[in-house]
Amino acid sequence: MAKKKKYRPKKICCEICGESNVRALHYHHIVERCKVESTENWDNITVICANCHNLVHANEIKIFGLFPATKLPYNRILVFRKNGVCNAQELIDETYG
């Protein structure tokens, strides 16, 4: 039986800073692979550039999760906090009150 291929979209730009140099883009698991609840689903993977990836692992950027959206190119919004500022605070307040 053939191994099922993971779905990962084409890398277009960093979901944090917008970097579009494809060679600098990485896939990053939102819930770390070492955790039981981690998956290989697209809902647990984000596309980020090498610089943002380093900042995530240095705890200077905190990724909270994803909201479905019509925002291109990935049709979702990555919710994160960088330099103490959340990029989608209004969306969080509206959703969770």
PDB file of N, CA and C in Angstrom:
ATOM      1  N   MET A   1       0.842  -1.180   0.000  1.00  0.00           N
ATOM      2  CA  MET A   1       0.000   0.000   0.000  1.00  0.00           C
ATOM      3  C   MET A   1       0.891   1.248   0.000  1.00  0.00           C
ATOM      4  N   ALA A   2       0.576   2.179  -0.866  1.00  0.00           N
ATOM      5  CA  ALA A   2       1.361   3.403  -0.996  1.00  0.00           C
ATOM      6  C   ALA A   2       1.114   4.332   0.189  1.00  0.00           C
ATOM      7  N   LYS A   3       2.162   5.021   0.596  1.00  0.00           N
ATOM      8  CA  LYS A   3       2.059   5.963   1.703  1.00  0.00           C
ATOM      9  C   LYS A   3       1.298   7.204   1.235  1.00  0.00           C
ATOM     10  N   LYS A   4       0.349   7.658   2.051  1.00  0.00           N
ATOM     11  CA  LYS A   4      -0.447   8.829   1.702  1.00  0.00           C
ATOM     12  C   LYS A   4       0.425  10.077   1.743  1.00  0.00           C
ATOM     13  N   LYS A   5       0.377  10.863   0.684  1.00  0.00           N
ATOM     14  CA  LYS A   5       1.181  12.075   0.585  1.00  0.00           C
ATOM     15  C   LYS A   5       0.550  13.199   1.406  1.00  0.00           C
ATOM     16  N   LYS A   6       1.374  13.922   2.155  1.00  0.00           N
ATOM     17  CA  LYS A   6       0.907  15.040   2.968  1.00  0.00           C
ATOM     18  C   LYS A   6       0.510  16.196   2.060  1.00  0.00           C
ATOM     19  N   TYR A   7      -0.577  16.873   2.432  1.00  0.00           N
ATOM     20  CA  TYR A   7      -0.974  18.055   1.672  1.00  0.00           C
ATOM     21  C   TYR A   7      -0.285  19.279   2.269  1.00  0.00           C
ATOM     22  N   ARG A   8       0.512  19.916   1.472  1.00  0.00           N
ATOM     23  CA  ARG A   8       1.114  21.187   1.843  1.00  0.00           C
ATOM     24  C   ARG A   8       1.070  22.077   0.621  1.00  0.00           C
ATOM     25  N   PRO A   9       0.483  23.244   0.745  1.00  0.00           N
ATOM     26  CA  PRO A   9       0.389  24.127  -0.416  1.00  0.00           C
ATOM     27  C   PRO A   9       1.742  24.678  -0.816  1.00  0.00           C
ATOM     28  N   LYS A  10       1.773  25.210  -1.979  1.00  0.00           N
ATOM     29  CA  LYS A  10       2.986  25.834  -2.495  1.00  0.00           C
ATOM     30  C   LYS A  10       3.364  27.012  -1.593  1.00  0.00           C
ATOM     31  N   LYS A  11       4.638  27.128  -1.311  1.00  0.00           N
ATOM     32  CA  LYS A  11       5.127  28.256  -0.509  1.00  0.00           C
ATOM     33  C   LYS A  11       5.084  29.514  -1.362  1.00  0.00           C
ATOM     34  N   ILE A  12       4.352  30.515  -0.892  1.00  0.00           N
ATOM     35  CA  ILE A  12       4.213  31.762  -1.651  1.00  0.00           C
ATOM     36  C   ILE A  12       4.807  32.931  -0.879  1.00  0.00           C
ATOM     37  N   CYS A  13       4.445  33.042   0.405  1.00  0.00           N
ATOM     38  CA  CYS A  13       4.979  34.136   1.216  1.00  0.00           C
ATOM     39  C   CYS A  13       4.882  33.788   2.694  1.00  0.00           C
ATOM     40  N   CYS A  14       5.678  34.484   3.492  1.00  0.00           N
ATOM     41  CA  CYS A  14       5.654  34.296   4.944  1.00  0.00           C
ATOM     42  C   CYS A  14       4.328  34.828   5.481  1.00  0.00           C
ATOM     43  N   GLU A  15       3.673  34.035   6.322  1.00  0.00           N
ATOM     44  CA  GLU A  15       2.390  34.446   6.890  1.00  0.00           C
ATOM     45  C   GLU A  15       2.544  35.462   8.018  1.00  0.00           C
ATOM     46  N   ILE A  16       3.771  35.764   8.393  1.00  0.00           N
ATOM     47  CA  ILE A  16       4.001  36.770   9.434  1.00  0.00           C
ATOM     48  C   ILE A  16       4.452  38.095   8.821  1.00  0.00           C
ATOM     49  N   CYS A  17       5.538  38.082   8.052  1.00  0.00           N
ATOM     50  CA  CYS A  17       6.096  39.349   7.545  1.00  0.00           C
ATOM     51  C   CYS A  17       5.840  39.586   6.059  1.00  0.00           C
ATOM     52  N   GLY A  18       5.410  38.565   5.329  1.00  0.00           N
ATOM     53  CA  GLY A  18       5.126  38.731   3.906  1.00  0.00           C
ATOM     54  C   GLY A  18       6.297  38.455   2.985  1.00  0.00           C
ATOM     55  N   GLU A  19       7.444  38.036   3.520  1.00  0.00           N
ATOM     56  CA  GLU A  19       8.618  37.703   2.699  1.00  0.00           C
ATOM     57  C   GLU A  19       8.196  36.755   1.578  1.00  0.00           C
ATOM     58  N   SER A  20       8.627  37.048   0.340  1.00  0.00           N
ATOM     59  CA  SER A  20       8.209  36.224  -0.788  1.00  0.00           C
ATOM     60  C   SER A  20       9.358  35.482  -1.476  1.00  0.00           C
ATOM     61  N   ASN A  21      10.560  35.543  -0.917  1.00  0.00           N
ATOM     62  CA  ASN A  21      11.677  34.781  -1.461  1.00  0.00           C
ATOM     63  C   ASN A  21      11.451  33.314  -1.098  1.00  0.00           C
ATOM     64  N   VAL A  22      11.045  32.513  -2.068  1.00  0.00           N
ATOM     65  CA  VAL A  22      10.659  31.128  -1.829  1.00  0.00           C
ATOM     66  C   VAL A  22      11.784  30.330  -1.178  1.00  0.00           C
ATOM     67  N   ARG A  23      13.007  30.654  -1.489  1.00  0.00           N
ATOM     68  CA  ARG A  23      14.145  29.926  -0.901  1.00  0.00           C
ATOM     69  C   ARG A  23      14.280  30.171   0.600  1.00  0.00           C
ATOM     70  N   ALA A  24      13.701  31.243   1.096  1.00  0.00           N
ATOM     71  CA  ALA A  24      13.799  31.566   2.518  1.00  0.00           C
ATOM     72  C   ALA A  24      12.591  31.066   3.313  1.00  0.00           C
ATOM     73  N   LEU A  25      11.640  30.425   2.650  1.00  0.00           N
ATOM     74  CA  LEU A  25      10.405  30.017   3.320  1.00  0.00           C
ATOM     75  C   LEU A  25      10.501  28.602   3.875  1.00  0.00           C
ATOM     76  N   HIS A  26       9.908  28.416   5.062  1.00  0.00           N
ATOM     77  CA  HIS A  26       9.891  27.127   5.740  1.00  0.00           C
ATOM     78  C   HIS A  26       8.456  26.763   6.103  1.00  0.00           C
ATOM     79  N   TYR A  27       8.213  25.473   6.302  1.00  0.00           N
ATOM     80  CA  TYR A  27       6.974  25.020   6.922  1.00  0.00           C
ATOM     81  C   TYR A  27       7.248  24.913   8.422  1.00  0.00           C
ATOM     82  N   HIS A  28       6.307  25.361   9.239  1.00  0.00           N
ATOM     83  CA  HIS A  28       6.472  25.301  10.691  1.00  0.00           C
ATOM     84  C   HIS A  28       5.204  24.727  11.312  1.00  0.00           C
ATOM     85  N   HIS A  29       5.364  23.750  12.212  1.00  0.00           N
ATOM     86  CA  HIS A  29       4.220  23.189  12.929  1.00  0.00           C
ATOM     87  C   HIS A  29       3.798  24.157  14.027  1.00  0.00           C
ATOM     88  N   ILE A  30       2.531  24.495  14.075  1.00  0.00           N
ATOM     89  CA  ILE A  30       2.022  25.400  15.106  1.00  0.00           C
ATOM     90  C   ILE A  30       2.055  24.687  16.456  1.00  0.00           C
ATOM     91  N   VAL A  31       1.466  23.491  16.513  1.00  0.00           N
ATOM     92  CA  VAL A  31       1.620  22.632  17.687  1.00  0.00           C
ATOM     93  C   VAL A  31       2.824  21.754  17.388  1.00  0.00           C
ATOM     94  N   GLU A  32       3.844  21.841  18.225  1.00  0.00           N
ATOM     95  CA  GLU A  32       5.108  21.150  17.969  1.00  0.00           C
ATOM     96  C   GLU A  32       4.912  19.658  17.713  1.00  0.00           C
ATOM     97  N   ARG A  33       5.744  19.112  16.845  1.00  0.00           N
ATOM     98  CA  ARG A  33       5.635  17.701  16.482  1.00  0.00           C
ATOM     99  C   ARG A  33       5.814  16.764  17.659  1.00  0.00           C
ATOM    100  N   CYS A  34       6.510  17.188  18.687  1.00  0.00           N
ATOM    101  CA  CYS A  34       6.743  16.308  19.845  1.00  0.00           C
ATOM    102  C   CYS A  34       5.510  16.191  20.743  1.00  0.00           C
ATOM    103  N   LYS A  35       4.504  17.044  20.542  1.00  0.00           N
ATOM    104  CA  LYS A  35       3.285  17.002  21.355  1.00  0.00           C
ATOM    105  C   LYS A  35       2.292  16.014  20.757  1.00  0.00           C
ATOM    106  N   VAL A  36       1.542  15.360  21.628  1.00  0.00           N
ATOM    107  CA  VAL A  36       0.585  14.335  21.206  1.00  0.00           C
ATOM    108  C   VAL A  36      -0.457  14.900  20.244  1.00  0.00           C
ATOM    109  N   GLU A  37      -0.923  16.120  20.482  1.00  0.00           N
ATOM    110  CA  GLU A  37      -1.992  16.703  19.658  1.00  0.00           C
ATOM    111  C   GLU A  37      -1.498  17.296  18.335  1.00  0.00           C
ATOM    112  N   SER A  38      -0.214  17.188  18.050  1.00  0.00           N
ATOM    113  CA  SER A  38       0.343  17.691  16.794  1.00  0.00           C
ATOM    114  C   SER A  38      -0.101  16.818  15.627  1.00  0.00           C
ATOM    115  N   THR A  39      -0.326  17.452  14.489  1.00  0.00           N
ATOM    116  CA  THR A  39      -0.706  16.716  13.284  1.00  0.00           C
ATOM    117  C   THR A  39       0.094  17.235  12.097  1.00  0.00           C
ATOM    118  N   GLU A  40       0.006  16.521  11.007  1.00  0.00           N
ATOM    119  CA  GLU A  40       0.617  16.954   9.752  1.00  0.00           C
ATOM    120  C   GLU A  40      -0.406  17.665   8.871  1.00  0.00           C
ATOM    121  N   ASN A  41      -1.585  17.958   9.409  1.00  0.00           N
ATOM    122  CA  ASN A  41      -2.631  18.639   8.646  1.00  0.00           C
ATOM    123  C   ASN A  41      -2.255  20.087   8.378  1.00  0.00           C
ATOM    124  N   TRP A  42      -2.768  20.608   7.294  1.00  0.00           N
ATOM    125  CA  TRP A  42      -2.511  21.996   6.916  1.00  0.00           C
ATOM    126  C   TRP A  42      -2.983  22.957   8.000  1.00  0.00           C
ATOM    127  N   ASP A  43      -3.946  22.538   8.833  1.00  0.00           N
ATOM    128  CA  ASP A  43      -4.424  23.376   9.934  1.00  0.00           C
ATOM    129  C   ASP A  43      -3.381  23.535  11.035  1.00  0.00           C
ATOM    130  N   ASN A  44      -2.339  22.731  11.011  1.00  0.00           N
ATOM    131  CA  ASN A  44      -1.285  22.811  12.027  1.00  0.00           C
ATOM    132  C   ASN A  44       0.053  23.272  11.446  1.00  0.00           C
ATOM    133  N   ILE A  45       0.059  23.654  10.186  1.00  0.00           N
ATOM    134  CA  ILE A  45       1.308  24.046   9.535  1.00  0.00           C
ATOM    135  C   ILE A  45       1.169  25.451   8.964  1.00  0.00           C
ATOM    136  N   THR A  46       2.204  26.236   9.172  1.00  0.00           N
ATOM    137  CA  THR A  46       2.224  27.595   8.629  1.00  0.00           C
ATOM    138  C   THR A  46       3.473  27.762   7.771  1.00  0.00           C
ATOM    139  N   VAL A  47       3.423  28.723   6.871  1.00  0.00           N
ATOM    140  CA  VAL A  47       4.584  29.046   6.037  1.00  0.00           C
ATOM    141  C   VAL A  47       5.190  30.321   6.592  1.00  0.00           C
ATOM    142  N   ILE A  48       6.445  30.217   7.049  1.00  0.00           N
ATOM    143  CA  ILE A  48       7.135  31.397   7.567  1.00  0.00           C
ATOM    144  C   ILE A  48       8.556  31.439   7.027  1.00  0.00           C
ATOM    145  N   CYS A  49       9.108  32.640   6.962  1.00  0.00           N
ATOM    146  CA  CYS A  49      10.470  32.804   6.450  1.00  0.00           C
ATOM    147  C   CYS A  49      11.478  32.380   7.521  1.00  0.00           C
ATOM    148  N   ALA A  50      12.714  32.214   7.115  1.00  0.00           N
ATOM    149  CA  ALA A  50      13.769  31.771   8.028  1.00  0.00           C
ATOM    150  C   ALA A  50      13.933  32.735   9.203  1.00  0.00           C
ATOM    151  N   ASN A  51      13.842  34.024   8.954  1.00  0.00           N
ATOM    152  CA  ASN A  51      13.994  35.008  10.020  1.00  0.00           C
ATOM    153  C   ASN A  51      12.876  34.872  11.056  1.00  0.00           C
ATOM    154  N   CYS A  52      11.634  34.827  10.594  1.00  0.00           N
ATOM    155  CA  CYS A  52      10.503  34.673  11.517  1.00  0.00           C
ATOM    156  C   CYS A  52      10.558  33.317  12.220  1.00  0.00           C
ATOM    157  N   HIS A  53      10.996  32.288  11.512  1.00  0.00           N
ATOM    158  CA  HIS A  53      11.121  30.956  12.097  1.00  0.00           C
ATOM    159  C   HIS A  53      12.097  30.999  13.275  1.00  0.00           C
ATOM    160  N   ASN A  54      13.227  31.667  13.095  1.00  0.00           N
ATOM    161  CA  ASN A  54      14.195  31.816  14.187  1.00  0.00           C
ATOM    162  C   ASN A  54      13.596  32.591  15.358  1.00  0.00           C
ATOM    163  N   LEU A  55      12.827  33.632  15.064  1.00  0.00           N
ATOM    164  CA  LEU A  55      12.198  34.420  16.121  1.00  0.00           C
ATOM    165  C   LEU A  55      11.145  33.609  16.872  1.00  0.00           C
ATOM    166  N   VAL A  56      10.424  32.728  16.173  1.00  0.00           N
ATOM    167  CA  VAL A  56       9.451  31.853  16.836  1.00  0.00           C
ATOM    168  C   VAL A  56      10.171  30.942  17.824  1.00  0.00           C
ATOM    169  N   HIS A  57      11.249  30.327  17.379  1.00  0.00           N
ATOM    170  CA  HIS A  57      11.972  29.408  18.256  1.00  0.00           C
ATOM    171  C   HIS A  57      12.742  30.127  19.364  1.00  0.00           C
ATOM    172  N   ALA A  58      12.965  31.426  19.209  1.00  0.00           N
ATOM    173  CA  ALA A  58      13.595  32.230  20.263  1.00  0.00           C
ATOM    174  C   ALA A  58      12.532  32.861  21.171  1.00  0.00           C
ATOM    175  N   ASN A  59      11.267  32.497  20.968  1.00  0.00           N
ATOM    176  CA  ASN A  59      10.122  33.005  21.744  1.00  0.00           C
ATOM    177  C   ASN A  59       9.916  34.511  21.620  1.00  0.00           C
ATOM    178  N   GLU A  60      10.352  35.094  20.513  1.00  0.00           N
ATOM    179  CA  GLU A  60      10.111  36.513  20.264  1.00  0.00           C
ATOM    180  C   GLU A  60       8.841  36.718  19.441  1.00  0.00           C
ATOM    181  N   ILE A  61       8.386  35.654  18.797  1.00  0.00           N
ATOM    182  CA  ILE A  61       7.086  35.633  18.130  1.00  0.00           C
ATOM    183  C   ILE A  61       6.339  34.436  18.699  1.00  0.00           C
ATOM    184  N   LYS A  62       5.097  34.658  19.138  1.00  0.00           N
ATOM    185  CA  LYS A  62       4.261  33.589  19.678  1.00  0.00           C
ATOM    186  C   LYS A  62       3.105  33.375  18.712  1.00  0.00           C
ATOM    187  N   ILE A  63       2.996  32.166  18.165  1.00  0.00           N
ATOM    188  CA  ILE A  63       1.897  31.826  17.258  1.00  0.00           C
ATOM    189  C   ILE A  63       0.775  31.200  18.072  1.00  0.00           C
ATOM    190  N   PHE A  64      -0.451  31.737  17.902  1.00  0.00           N
ATOM    191  CA  PHE A  64      -1.606  31.235  18.640  1.00  0.00           C
ATOM    192  C   PHE A  64      -2.439  30.250  17.816  1.00  0.00           C
ATOM    193  N   GLY A  65      -2.549  30.467  16.534  1.00  0.00           N
ATOM    194  CA  GLY A  65      -3.359  29.580  15.710  1.00  0.00           C
ATOM    195  C   GLY A  65      -3.808  30.259  14.437  1.00  0.00           C
ATOM    196  N   LEU A  66      -4.842  29.693  13.837  1.00  0.00           N
ATOM    197  CA  LEU A  66      -5.335  30.151  12.539  1.00  0.00           C
ATOM    198  C   LEU A  66      -6.818  30.454  12.583  1.00  0.00           C
ATOM    199  N   PHE A  67      -7.232  31.466  11.826  1.00  0.00           N
ATOM    200  CA  PHE A  67      -8.630  31.746  11.595  1.00  0.00           C
ATOM    201  C   PHE A  67      -8.888  31.565  10.105  1.00  0.00           C
ATOM    202  N   PRO A  68      -9.932  30.831   9.727  1.00  0.00           N
ATOM    203  CA  PRO A  68     -10.282  30.753   8.305  1.00  0.00           C
ATOM    204  C   PRO A  68     -10.659  32.153   7.819  1.00  0.00           C
ATOM    205  N   ALA A  69     -10.281  32.466   6.612  1.00  0.00           N
ATOM    206  CA  ALA A  69     -10.570  33.795   6.060  1.00  0.00           C
ATOM    207  C   ALA A  69     -10.479  33.740   4.544  1.00  0.00           C
ATOM    208  N   THR A  70     -10.799  34.828   3.923  1.00  0.00           N
ATOM    209  CA  THR A  70     -10.664  34.922   2.471  1.00  0.00           C
ATOM    210  C   THR A  70      -9.346  35.568   2.083  1.00  0.00           C
ATOM    211  N   LYS A  71      -8.502  35.854   3.085  1.00  0.00           N
ATOM    212  CA  LYS A  71      -7.218  36.508   2.832  1.00  0.00           C
ATOM    213  C   LYS A  71      -6.308  35.588   2.016  1.00  0.00           C
ATOM    214  N   LEU A  72      -5.847  36.090   0.901  1.00  0.00           N
ATOM    215  CA  LEU A  72      -4.955  35.323   0.042  1.00  0.00           C
ATOM    216  C   LEU A  72      -3.523  35.449   0.535  1.00  0.00           C
ATOM    217  N   PRO A  73      -2.640  34.555   0.287  1.00  0.00           N
ATOM    218  CA  PRO A  73      -2.778  33.453  -0.659  1.00  0.00           C
ATOM    219  C   PRO A  73      -3.248  32.144  -0.025  1.00  0.00           C
ATOM    220  N   TYR A  74      -3.355  32.082   1.318  1.00  0.00           N
ATOM    221  CA  TYR A  74      -3.642  30.805   1.964  1.00  0.00           C
ATOM    222  C   TYR A  74      -5.072  30.678   2.498  1.00  0.00           C
ATOM    223  N   ASN A  75      -5.901  31.696   2.301  1.00  0.00           N
ATOM    224  CA  ASN A  75      -7.300  31.704   2.753  1.00  0.00           C
ATOM    225  C   ASN A  75      -7.440  31.497   4.254  1.00  0.00           C
ATOM    226  N   ARG A  76      -6.589  32.181   4.999  1.00  0.00           N
ATOM    227  CA  ARG A  76      -6.641  32.126   6.453  1.00  0.00           C
ATOM    228  C   ARG A  76      -5.788  33.251   7.018  1.00  0.00           C
ATOM    229  N   ILE A  77      -5.940  33.491   8.308  1.00  0.00           N
ATOM    230  CA  ILE A  77      -5.126  34.488   8.999  1.00  0.00           C
ATOM    231  C   ILE A  77      -4.370  33.776  10.112  1.00  0.00           C
ATOM    232  N   LEU A  78      -3.064  33.901  10.098  1.00  0.00           N
ATOM    233  CA  LEU A  78      -2.230  33.375  11.173  1.00  0.00           C
ATOM    234  C   LEU A  78      -2.257  34.396  12.300  1.00  0.00           C
ATOM    235  N   VAL A  79      -2.638  33.965  13.493  1.00  0.00           N
ATOM    236  CA  VAL A  79      -2.710  34.870  14.641  1.00  0.00           C
ATOM    237  C   VAL A  79      -1.441  34.702  15.460  1.00  0.00           C
ATOM    238  N   PHE A  80      -0.757  35.826  15.671  1.00  0.00           N
ATOM    239  CA  PHE A  80       0.512  35.787  16.391  1.00  0.00           C
ATOM    240  C   PHE A  80       0.728  37.081  17.168  1.00  0.00           C
ATOM    241  N   ARG A  81       1.675  37.026  18.102  1.00  0.00           N
ATOM    242  CA  ARG A  81       2.086  38.216  18.848  1.00  0.00           C
ATOM    243  C   ARG A  81       3.571  38.417  18.593  1.00  0.00           C
ATOM    244  N   LYS A  82       3.920  39.622  18.169  1.00  0.00           N
ATOM    245  CA  LYS A  82       5.312  39.983  17.910  1.00  0.00           C
ATOM    246  C   LYS A  82       5.561  41.334  18.559  1.00  0.00           C
ATOM    247  N   ASN A  83       6.644  41.450  19.307  1.00  0.00           N
ATOM    248  CA  ASN A  83       6.973  42.692  20.019  1.00  0.00           C
ATOM    249  C   ASN A  83       5.824  43.143  20.922  1.00  0.00           C
ATOM    250  N   GLY A  84       5.116  42.177  21.526  1.00  0.00           N
ATOM    251  CA  GLY A  84       4.032  42.483  22.452  1.00  0.00           C
ATOM    252  C   GLY A  84       2.725  42.888  21.808  1.00  0.00           C
ATOM    253  N   VAL A  85       2.658  42.860  20.475  1.00  0.00           N
ATOM    254  CA  VAL A  85       1.454  43.289  19.767  1.00  0.00           C
ATOM    255  C   VAL A  85       0.869  42.112  18.989  1.00  0.00           C
ATOM    256  N   CYS A  86      -0.420  41.872  19.210  1.00  0.00           N
ATOM    257  CA  CYS A  86      -1.113  40.807  18.479  1.00  0.00           C
ATOM    258  C   CYS A  86      -1.579  41.370  17.138  1.00  0.00           C
ATOM    259  N   ASN A  87      -1.351  40.628  16.060  1.00  0.00           N
ATOM    260  CA  ASN A  87      -1.710  41.112  14.733  1.00  0.00           C
ATOM    261  C   ASN A  87      -3.213  41.077  14.466  1.00  0.00           C
ATOM    262  N   ALA A  88      -3.984  40.348  15.274  1.00  0.00           N
ATOM    263  CA  ALA A  88      -5.418  40.192  15.004  1.00  0.00           C
ATOM    264  C   ALA A  88      -6.237  40.360  16.279  1.00  0.00           C
ATOM    265  N   GLN A  89      -5.881  41.318  17.117  1.00  0.00           N
ATOM    266  CA  GLN A  89      -6.568  41.501  18.399  1.00  0.00           C
ATOM    267  C   GLN A  89      -8.057  41.777  18.204  1.00  0.00           C
ATOM    268  N   GLU A  90      -8.411  42.569  17.200  1.00  0.00           N
ATOM    269  CA  GLU A  90      -9.820  42.876  16.954  1.00  0.00           C
ATOM    270  C   GLU A  90     -10.595  41.614  16.600  1.00  0.00           C
ATOM    271  N   LEU A  91      -9.986  40.746  15.812  1.00  0.00           N
ATOM    272  CA  LEU A  91     -10.607  39.490  15.414  1.00  0.00           C
ATOM    273  C   LEU A  91     -10.821  38.586  16.628  1.00  0.00           C
ATOM    274  N   ILE A  92      -9.851  38.517  17.514  1.00  0.00           N
ATOM    275  CA  ILE A  92      -9.958  37.712  18.720  1.00  0.00           C
ATOM    276  C   ILE A  92     -11.045  38.269  19.629  1.00  0.00           C
ATOM    277  N   ASP A  93     -11.058  39.591  19.841  1.00  0.00           N
ATOM    278  CA  ASP A  93     -12.072  40.224  20.686  1.00  0.00           C
ATOM    279  C   ASP A  93     -13.467  39.983  20.124  1.00  0.00           C
ATOM    280  N   GLU A  94     -13.611  40.108  18.810  1.00  0.00           N
ATOM    281  CA  GLU A  94     -14.906  39.914  18.161  1.00  0.00           C
ATOM    282  C   GLU A  94     -15.384  38.467  18.296  1.00  0.00           C
ATOM    283  N   THR A  95     -14.461  37.518  18.187  1.00  0.00           N
ATOM    284  CA  THR A  95     -14.810  36.103  18.220  1.00  0.00           C
ATOM    285  C   THR A  95     -15.041  35.595  19.641  1.00  0.00           C
ATOM    286  N   TYR A  96     -14.189  36.013  20.567  1.00  0.00           N
ATOM    287  CA  TYR A  96     -14.242  35.457  21.932  1.00  0.00           C
ATOM    288  C   TYR A  96     -14.753  36.425  22.985  1.00  0.00           C
ATOM    289  N   GLY A  97     -15.059  37.654  22.547  1.00  0.00           N
ATOM    290  CA  GLY A  97     -15.674  38.620  23.419  1.00  0.00           C
ATOM    291  C   GLY A  97     -14.834  39.176  24.477  1.00  0.00           C
TER     292      GLY A  97
END
